[in-house]
Amino acid sequence: MTKDELRAELERQEQRYKDVYGGEVTTYAAQPDPERKPWRKRASILDQAFAQELQKIEKELKADEP
């Protein structure tokens, strides 16, 4: 179904609703999409442990340099 066909179908349904039920149809503007925030990966326990091990190794290398 194309957009034009969909629009025509919605107009037919709107007209039918008005004729059959005597109702009133209110149309609203589309709501804007919410702003997307950049996705950030949360560090897992393994990632945190790996980072701690890297820090330990760096400290040991700095201590051994002098």
Protein backbone atom coordinates (compact mmCIF):
# COMPACT_ATOMS: atom_id res chain seq x y z
CA MET A 1 0.00 0.00 0.00
CA THR A 2 1.46 3.34 -1.03
CA LYS A 3 1.17 6.56 0.91
CA ASP A 4 -1.40 7.92 -1.54
CA GLU A 5 -3.53 4.79 -1.19
CA LEU A 6 -3.28 5.01 2.59
CA ARG A 7 -4.28 8.67 2.59
CA ALA A 8 -7.26 7.89 0.34
CA GLU A 9 -8.33 5.02 2.63
CA LEU A 10 -8.08 7.22 5.72
CA GLU A 11 -10.13 9.94 4.02
CA ARG A 12 -12.80 7.35 3.12
CA GLN A 13 -12.89 6.12 6.72
CA GLU A 14 -13.10 9.67 8.00
CA GLN A 15 -16.00 10.49 5.69
CA ARG A 16 -17.78 7.25 6.61
CA TYR A 17 -17.40 8.02 10.32
CA LYS A 18 -18.83 11.50 9.81
CA ASP A 19 -21.76 10.20 7.72
CA VAL A 20 -22.65 7.14 9.82
CA TYR A 21 -21.97 8.33 13.34
CA GLY A 22 -22.23 12.07 12.86
CA GLY A 23 -18.94 12.36 14.66
CA GLU A 24 -16.20 14.89 14.39
CA VAL A 25 -12.65 13.98 13.44
CA THR A 26 -9.77 15.92 14.91
CA THR A 27 -6.39 15.59 13.27
CA TYR A 28 -3.17 16.41 15.05
CA ALA A 29 0.29 17.25 13.82
CA ALA A 30 2.83 14.48 14.16
CA GLN A 31 4.86 14.57 17.34
CA PRO A 32 8.58 15.23 16.80
CA ASP A 33 10.90 12.35 17.45
CA PRO A 34 12.69 12.64 20.79
CA GLU A 35 16.30 13.74 20.64
CA ARG A 36 18.61 10.78 20.57
CA LYS A 37 21.43 10.82 23.03
CA PRO A 38 24.70 9.21 22.03
CA TRP A 39 24.83 5.58 23.05
CA ARG A 40 27.44 4.69 25.60
CA LYS A 41 28.46 1.19 26.51
CA ARG A 42 28.48 0.51 30.23
CA ALA A 43 31.65 -1.16 31.40
CA SER A 44 31.07 -4.75 32.43
CA ILE A 45 32.78 -6.35 35.42
CA LEU A 46 35.33 -7.89 33.09
CA ASP A 47 36.05 -4.51 31.50
CA GLN A 48 36.55 -2.97 34.94
CA ALA A 49 38.87 -5.80 36.02
CA PHE A 50 40.87 -5.42 32.81
CA ALA A 51 41.25 -1.68 33.39
CA GLN A 52 42.42 -2.31 36.96
CA GLU A 53 45.00 -4.83 35.78
CA LEU A 54 46.29 -2.33 33.22
CA GLN A 55 46.67 0.28 35.96
CA LYS A 56 48.57 -2.19 38.15
CA ILE A 57 50.93 -3.06 35.30
CA GLU A 58 51.52 0.63 34.52
CA LYS A 59 52.32 1.35 38.19
CA GLU A 60 54.75 -1.58 38.29
CA LEU A 61 56.49 -0.38 35.11
CA LYS A 62 56.82 3.14 36.51
CA ALA A 63 58.23 1.78 39.76
CA ASP A 64 60.82 -0.33 37.90
CA GLU A 65 62.06 2.48 35.61
CA PRO A 66 64.35 4.47 38.04
